Amino acid sequence: MFHFSAPTLLSEEHELLDFNSGEPSLDDWLKKRALKNQLSGASRCFVLCLDNKVFGYFSLSAGAISHELAP
């Protein structure tokens, strides 16, 4: 049985190379921008891992769009 970690903040120690969500734009953001955004304070990215290998993530950011602009 697999025991994934509780959500934890992304760090340089997490293994992202093999992560594949099935959506290339989400994979690209995680691998290229998530840590930079976190370090700048633009967002916080939480990952679920088995050991240090990332299997899932979510990100939180303060921001808003008007209801009229939302799809």
PDB file of N, CA and C in Angstrom:
ATOM      1  N   MET A   1       0.847  -1.182   0.000  1.00  0.00           N
ATOM      2  CA  MET A   1       0.000   0.000   0.000  1.00  0.00           C
ATOM      3  C   MET A   1       0.887   1.238   0.000  1.00  0.00           C
ATOM      4  N   PHE A   2       0.493   2.227  -0.789  1.00  0.00           N
ATOM      5  CA  PHE A   2       1.256   3.469  -0.869  1.00  0.00           C
ATOM      6  C   PHE A   2       0.812   4.424   0.229  1.00  0.00           C
ATOM      7  N   HIS A   3       1.768   5.136   0.786  1.00  0.00           N
ATOM      8  CA  HIS A   3       1.480   6.145   1.791  1.00  0.00           C
ATOM      9  C   HIS A   3       2.098   7.453   1.332  1.00  0.00           C
ATOM     10  N   PHE A   4       1.265   8.276   0.719  1.00  0.00           N
ATOM     11  CA  PHE A   4       1.736   9.570   0.247  1.00  0.00           C
ATOM     12  C   PHE A   4       1.879  10.520   1.419  1.00  0.00           C
ATOM     13  N   SER A   5       2.759  11.478   1.265  1.00  0.00           N
ATOM     14  CA  SER A   5       2.949  12.490   2.294  1.00  0.00           C
ATOM     15  C   SER A   5       1.722  13.382   2.378  1.00  0.00           C
ATOM     16  N   ALA A   6       1.576  14.040   3.499  1.00  0.00           N
ATOM     17  CA  ALA A   6       0.591  15.113   3.586  1.00  0.00           C
ATOM     18  C   ALA A   6       1.073  16.233   2.666  1.00  0.00           C
ATOM     19  N   PRO A   7       0.186  17.100   2.202  1.00  0.00           N
ATOM     20  CA  PRO A   7       0.644  18.210   1.369  1.00  0.00           C
ATOM     21  C   PRO A   7       1.723  19.007   2.087  1.00  0.00           C
ATOM     22  N   THR A   8       2.796  19.280   1.371  1.00  0.00           N
ATOM     23  CA  THR A   8       3.918  20.023   1.928  1.00  0.00           C
ATOM     24  C   THR A   8       4.410  21.030   0.904  1.00  0.00           C
ATOM     25  N   LEU A   9       4.992  22.122   1.369  1.00  0.00           N
ATOM     26  CA  LEU A   9       5.489  23.139   0.446  1.00  0.00           C
ATOM     27  C   LEU A   9       6.570  22.573  -0.460  1.00  0.00           C
ATOM     28  N   LEU A  10       6.491  22.918  -1.722  1.00  0.00           N
ATOM     29  CA  LEU A  10       7.491  22.516  -2.703  1.00  0.00           C
ATOM     30  C   LEU A  10       8.857  23.047  -2.296  1.00  0.00           C
ATOM     31  N   SER A  11       9.885  22.221  -2.475  1.00  0.00           N
ATOM     32  CA  SER A  11      11.258  22.648  -2.211  1.00  0.00           C
ATOM     33  C   SER A  11      12.164  22.088  -3.296  1.00  0.00           C
ATOM     34  N   GLU A  12      13.399  22.532  -3.296  1.00  0.00           N
ATOM     35  CA  GLU A  12      14.372  22.066  -4.289  1.00  0.00           C
ATOM     36  C   GLU A  12      14.647  20.570  -4.162  1.00  0.00           C
ATOM     37  N   GLU A  13      14.372  19.991  -3.013  1.00  0.00           N
ATOM     38  CA  GLU A  13      14.641  18.574  -2.788  1.00  0.00           C
ATOM     39  C   GLU A  13      13.612  17.653  -3.454  1.00  0.00           C
ATOM     40  N   HIS A  14      12.471  18.189  -3.829  1.00  0.00           N
ATOM     41  CA  HIS A  14      11.436  17.361  -4.445  1.00  0.00           C
ATOM     42  C   HIS A  14      11.809  16.993  -5.875  1.00  0.00           C
ATOM     43  N   GLU A  15      11.516  15.752  -6.247  1.00  0.00           N
ATOM     44  CA  GLU A  15      11.830  15.224  -7.576  1.00  0.00           C
ATOM     45  C   GLU A  15      10.657  15.479  -8.522  1.00  0.00           C
ATOM     46  N   LEU A  16      10.903  16.318  -9.541  1.00  0.00           N
ATOM     47  CA  LEU A  16       9.852  16.709 -10.477  1.00  0.00           C
ATOM     48  C   LEU A  16      10.040  16.125 -11.868  1.00  0.00           C
ATOM     49  N   LEU A  17      11.214  15.600 -12.167  1.00  0.00           N
ATOM     50  CA  LEU A  17      11.572  15.206 -13.529  1.00  0.00           C
ATOM     51  C   LEU A  17      10.546  14.288 -14.177  1.00  0.00           C
ATOM     52  N   ASP A  18      10.065  13.287 -13.483  1.00  0.00           N
ATOM     53  CA  ASP A  18       9.146  12.310 -14.064  1.00  0.00           C
ATOM     54  C   ASP A  18       7.672  12.657 -13.860  1.00  0.00           C
ATOM     55  N   PHE A  19       7.388  13.815 -13.264  1.00  0.00           N
ATOM     56  CA  PHE A  19       5.988  14.172 -13.015  1.00  0.00           C
ATOM     57  C   PHE A  19       5.251  14.369 -14.334  1.00  0.00           C
ATOM     58  N   ASN A  20       4.057  13.775 -14.437  1.00  0.00           N
ATOM     59  CA  ASN A  20       3.241  13.901 -15.641  1.00  0.00           C
ATOM     60  C   ASN A  20       1.776  13.860 -15.232  1.00  0.00           C
ATOM     61  N   SER A  21       1.137  15.010 -15.292  1.00  0.00           N
ATOM     62  CA  SER A  21      -0.277  15.102 -14.920  1.00  0.00           C
ATOM     63  C   SER A  21      -1.201  14.727 -16.068  1.00  0.00           C
ATOM     64  N   GLY A  22      -0.639  14.669 -17.269  1.00  0.00           N
ATOM     65  CA  GLY A  22      -1.457  14.460 -18.457  1.00  0.00           C
ATOM     66  C   GLY A  22      -1.785  15.764 -19.154  1.00  0.00           C
ATOM     67  N   GLU A  23      -1.440  16.888 -18.538  1.00  0.00           N
ATOM     68  CA  GLU A  23      -1.662  18.213 -19.116  1.00  0.00           C
ATOM     69  C   GLU A  23      -0.315  18.928 -19.183  1.00  0.00           C
ATOM     70  N   PRO A  24       0.289  19.021 -20.375  1.00  0.00           N
ATOM     71  CA  PRO A  24       1.637  19.585 -20.505  1.00  0.00           C
ATOM     72  C   PRO A  24       1.807  20.980 -19.901  1.00  0.00           C
ATOM     73  N   SER A  25       0.809  21.841 -20.006  1.00  0.00           N
ATOM     74  CA  SER A  25       0.966  23.195 -19.464  1.00  0.00           C
ATOM     75  C   SER A  25       1.068  23.176 -17.936  1.00  0.00           C
ATOM     76  N   LEU A  26       0.361  22.255 -17.285  1.00  0.00           N
ATOM     77  CA  LEU A  26       0.449  22.141 -15.825  1.00  0.00           C
ATOM     78  C   LEU A  26       1.793  21.560 -15.399  1.00  0.00           C
ATOM     79  N   ASP A  27       2.279  20.579 -16.152  1.00  0.00           N
ATOM     80  CA  ASP A  27       3.592  19.986 -15.866  1.00  0.00           C
ATOM     81  C   ASP A  27       4.689  21.027 -16.023  1.00  0.00           C
ATOM     82  N   ASP A  28       4.602  21.802 -17.098  1.00  0.00           N
ATOM     83  CA  ASP A  28       5.599  22.834 -17.388  1.00  0.00           C
ATOM     84  C   ASP A  28       5.616  23.887 -16.285  1.00  0.00           C
ATOM     85  N   TRP A  29       4.438  24.313 -15.831  1.00  0.00           N
ATOM     86  CA  TRP A  29       4.376  25.316 -14.773  1.00  0.00           C
ATOM     87  C   TRP A  29       5.027  24.794 -13.495  1.00  0.00           C
ATOM     88  N   LEU A  30       4.713  23.566 -13.128  1.00  0.00           N
ATOM     89  CA  LEU A  30       5.292  22.987 -11.913  1.00  0.00           C
ATOM     90  C   LEU A  30       6.813  22.930 -12.008  1.00  0.00           C
ATOM     91  N   LYS A  31       7.321  22.464 -13.129  1.00  0.00           N
ATOM     92  CA  LYS A  31       8.762  22.240 -13.280  1.00  0.00           C
ATOM     93  C   LYS A  31       9.556  23.522 -13.484  1.00  0.00           C
ATOM     94  N   LYS A  32       8.953  24.536 -14.100  1.00  0.00           N
ATOM     95  CA  LYS A  32       9.707  25.744 -14.457  1.00  0.00           C
ATOM     96  C   LYS A  32       9.358  26.981 -13.640  1.00  0.00           C
ATOM     97  N   ARG A  33       8.151  27.057 -13.093  1.00  0.00           N
ATOM     98  CA  ARG A  33       7.725  28.305 -12.476  1.00  0.00           C
ATOM     99  C   ARG A  33       7.321  28.199 -11.009  1.00  0.00           C
ATOM    100  N   ALA A  34       6.868  27.051 -10.576  1.00  0.00           N
ATOM    101  CA  ALA A  34       6.279  26.937  -9.237  1.00  0.00           C
ATOM    102  C   ALA A  34       7.232  27.386  -8.134  1.00  0.00           C
ATOM    103  N   LEU A  35       8.460  26.903  -8.155  1.00  0.00           N
ATOM    104  CA  LEU A  35       9.398  27.263  -7.088  1.00  0.00           C
ATOM    105  C   LEU A  35       9.783  28.737  -7.175  1.00  0.00           C
ATOM    106  N   LYS A  36       9.979  29.250  -8.384  1.00  0.00           N
ATOM    107  CA  LYS A  36      10.300  30.677  -8.555  1.00  0.00           C
ATOM    108  C   LYS A  36       9.165  31.546  -8.034  1.00  0.00           C
ATOM    109  N   ASN A  37       7.933  31.181  -8.374  1.00  0.00           N
ATOM    110  CA  ASN A  37       6.785  31.948  -7.884  1.00  0.00           C
ATOM    111  C   ASN A  37       6.691  31.890  -6.368  1.00  0.00           C
ATOM    112  N   GLN A  38       6.972  30.740  -5.802  1.00  0.00           N
ATOM    113  CA  GLN A  38       6.920  30.594  -4.354  1.00  0.00           C
ATOM    114  C   GLN A  38       7.980  31.461  -3.679  1.00  0.00           C
ATOM    115  N   LEU A  39       9.190  31.447  -4.218  1.00  0.00           N
ATOM    116  CA  LEU A  39      10.276  32.238  -3.631  1.00  0.00           C
ATOM    117  C   LEU A  39      10.009  33.736  -3.732  1.00  0.00           C
ATOM    118  N   SER A  40       9.288  34.151  -4.777  1.00  0.00           N
ATOM    119  CA  SER A  40       8.975  35.572  -4.942  1.00  0.00           C
ATOM    120  C   SER A  40       7.750  35.988  -4.132  1.00  0.00           C
ATOM    121  N   GLY A  41       7.005  35.016  -3.604  1.00  0.00           N
ATOM    122  CA  GLY A  41       5.804  35.317  -2.839  1.00  0.00           C
ATOM    123  C   GLY A  41       4.542  35.396  -3.686  1.00  0.00           C
ATOM    124  N   ALA A  42       4.645  35.070  -4.974  1.00  0.00           N
ATOM    125  CA  ALA A  42       3.486  35.148  -5.867  1.00  0.00           C
ATOM    126  C   ALA A  42       2.491  34.023  -5.621  1.00  0.00           C
ATOM    127  N   SER A  43       2.966  32.881  -5.159  1.00  0.00           N
ATOM    128  CA  SER A  43       2.085  31.744  -4.903  1.00  0.00           C
ATOM    129  C   SER A  43       2.753  30.783  -3.933  1.00  0.00           C
ATOM    130  N   ARG A  44       1.986  29.824  -3.484  1.00  0.00           N
ATOM    131  CA  ARG A  44       2.505  28.737  -2.662  1.00  0.00           C
ATOM    132  C   ARG A  44       2.090  27.443  -3.343  1.00  0.00           C
ATOM    133  N   CYS A  45       3.056  26.556  -3.542  1.00  0.00           N
ATOM    134  CA  CYS A  45       2.792  25.294  -4.217  1.00  0.00           C
ATOM    135  C   CYS A  45       2.981  24.157  -3.220  1.00  0.00           C
ATOM    136  N   PHE A  46       1.953  23.345  -3.070  1.00  0.00           N
ATOM    137  CA  PHE A  46       1.978  22.205  -2.171  1.00  0.00           C
ATOM    138  C   PHE A  46       2.023  20.932  -2.996  1.00  0.00           C
ATOM    139  N   VAL A  47       2.856  19.992  -2.580  1.00  0.00           N
ATOM    140  CA  VAL A  47       3.024  18.745  -3.318  1.00  0.00           C
ATOM    141  C   VAL A  47       2.682  17.551  -2.434  1.00  0.00           C
ATOM    142  N   LEU A  48       2.235  16.472  -3.088  1.00  0.00           N
ATOM    143  CA  LEU A  48       2.017  15.181  -2.440  1.00  0.00           C
ATOM    144  C   LEU A  48       3.061  14.244  -2.994  1.00  0.00           C
ATOM    145  N   CYS A  49       3.797  13.585  -2.114  1.00  0.00           N
ATOM    146  CA  CYS A  49       4.960  12.807  -2.537  1.00  0.00           C
ATOM    147  C   CYS A  49       4.941  11.397  -1.965  1.00  0.00           C
ATOM    148  N   LEU A  50       5.679  10.560  -2.626  1.00  0.00           N
ATOM    149  CA  LEU A  50       6.063   9.254  -2.114  1.00  0.00           C
ATOM    150  C   LEU A  50       7.576   9.334  -2.053  1.00  0.00           C
ATOM    151  N   ASP A  51       8.124   9.301  -0.870  1.00  0.00           N
ATOM    152  CA  ASP A  51       9.510   9.704  -0.626  1.00  0.00           C
ATOM    153  C   ASP A  51       9.607  11.159  -1.082  1.00  0.00           C
ATOM    154  N   ASN A  52      10.500  11.514  -1.996  1.00  0.00           N
ATOM    155  CA  ASN A  52      10.575  12.894  -2.486  1.00  0.00           C
ATOM    156  C   ASN A  52      10.030  13.041  -3.898  1.00  0.00           C
ATOM    157  N   LYS A  53       9.487  11.971  -4.454  1.00  0.00           N
ATOM    158  CA  LYS A  53       8.961  12.006  -5.817  1.00  0.00           C
ATOM    159  C   LYS A  53       7.539  12.567  -5.805  1.00  0.00           C
ATOM    160  N   VAL A  54       7.319  13.629  -6.576  1.00  0.00           N
ATOM    161  CA  VAL A  54       6.027  14.310  -6.608  1.00  0.00           C
ATOM    162  C   VAL A  54       5.029  13.534  -7.463  1.00  0.00           C
ATOM    163  N   PHE A  55       3.831  13.305  -6.902  1.00  0.00           N
ATOM    164  CA  PHE A  55       2.753  12.624  -7.611  1.00  0.00           C
ATOM    165  C   PHE A  55       1.543  13.527  -7.827  1.00  0.00           C
ATOM    166  N   GLY A  56       1.503  14.658  -7.148  1.00  0.00           N
ATOM    167  CA  GLY A  56       0.396  15.593  -7.316  1.00  0.00           C
ATOM    168  C   GLY A  56       0.751  16.925  -6.690  1.00  0.00           C
ATOM    169  N   TYR A  57       0.032  17.961  -7.106  1.00  0.00           N
ATOM    170  CA  TYR A  57       0.283  19.280  -6.527  1.00  0.00           C
ATOM    171  C   TYR A  57      -0.944  20.162  -6.643  1.00  0.00           C
ATOM    172  N   PHE A  58      -0.951  21.211  -5.825  1.00  0.00           N
ATOM    173  CA  PHE A  58      -1.903  22.301  -5.991  1.00  0.00           C
ATOM    174  C   PHE A  58      -1.194  23.573  -5.581  1.00  0.00           C
ATOM    175  N   SER A  59      -1.672  24.672  -6.101  1.00  0.00           N
ATOM    176  CA  SER A  59      -1.032  25.947  -5.838  1.00  0.00           C
ATOM    177  C   SER A  59      -2.085  26.964  -5.428  1.00  0.00           C
ATOM    178  N   LEU A  60      -1.708  27.837  -4.512  1.00  0.00           N
ATOM    179  CA  LEU A  60      -2.591  28.901  -4.046  1.00  0.00           C
ATOM    180  C   LEU A  60      -1.956  30.246  -4.347  1.00  0.00           C
ATOM    181  N   SER A  61      -2.784  31.165  -4.806  1.00  0.00           N
ATOM    182  CA  SER A  61      -2.301  32.498  -5.129  1.00  0.00           C
ATOM    183  C   SER A  61      -3.410  33.495  -4.832  1.00  0.00           C
ATOM    184  N   ALA A  62      -3.038  34.649  -4.317  1.00  0.00           N
ATOM    185  CA  ALA A  62      -4.024  35.702  -4.100  1.00  0.00           C
ATOM    186  C   ALA A  62      -4.249  36.417  -5.423  1.00  0.00           C
ATOM    187  N   GLY A  63      -5.473  36.550  -5.781  1.00  0.00           N
ATOM    188  CA  GLY A  63      -5.801  37.238  -7.019  1.00  0.00           C
ATOM    189  C   GLY A  63      -7.285  37.118  -7.291  1.00  0.00           C
ATOM    190  N   ALA A  64      -7.727  37.852  -8.279  1.00  0.00           N
ATOM    191  CA  ALA A  64      -9.139  37.825  -8.620  1.00  0.00           C
ATOM    192  C   ALA A  64      -9.333  38.245 -10.064  1.00  0.00           C
ATOM    193  N   ILE A  65     -10.413  37.746 -10.640  1.00  0.00           N
ATOM    194  CA  ILE A  65     -10.851  38.233 -11.941  1.00  0.00           C
ATOM    195  C   ILE A  65     -12.324  38.576 -11.798  1.00  0.00           C
ATOM    196  N   SER A  66     -12.788  39.479 -12.626  1.00  0.00           N
ATOM    197  CA  SER A  66     -14.197  39.846 -12.542  1.00  0.00           C
ATOM    198  C   SER A  66     -15.063  38.708 -13.065  1.00  0.00           C
ATOM    199  N   HIS A  67     -16.248  38.622 -12.554  1.00  0.00           N
ATOM    200  CA  HIS A  67     -17.189  37.576 -12.954  1.00  0.00           C
ATOM    201  C   HIS A  67     -17.450  37.640 -14.461  1.00  0.00           C
ATOM    202  N   GLU A  68     -17.471  38.823 -15.028  1.00  0.00           N
ATOM    203  CA  GLU A  68     -17.737  38.994 -16.451  1.00  0.00           C
ATOM    204  C   GLU A  68     -16.627  38.405 -17.320  1.00  0.00           C
ATOM    205  N   LEU A  69     -15.404  38.358 -16.822  1.00  0.00           N
ATOM    206  CA  LEU A  69     -14.275  37.843 -17.595  1.00  0.00           C
ATOM    207  C   LEU A  69     -14.090  36.341 -17.453  1.00  0.00           C
ATOM    208  N   ALA A  70     -14.722  35.754 -16.460  1.00  0.00           N
ATOM    209  CA  ALA A  70     -14.578  34.309 -16.233  1.00  0.00           C
ATOM    210  C   ALA A  70     -15.336  33.538 -17.311  1.00  0.00           C
ATOM    211  N   PRO A  71     -14.768  32.415 -17.765  1.00  0.00           N
ATOM    212  CA  PRO A  71     -15.461  31.627 -18.801  1.00  0.00           C
ATOM    213  C   PRO A  71     -16.719  30.952 -18.277  1.00  0.00           C
TER     214      PRO A  71
END
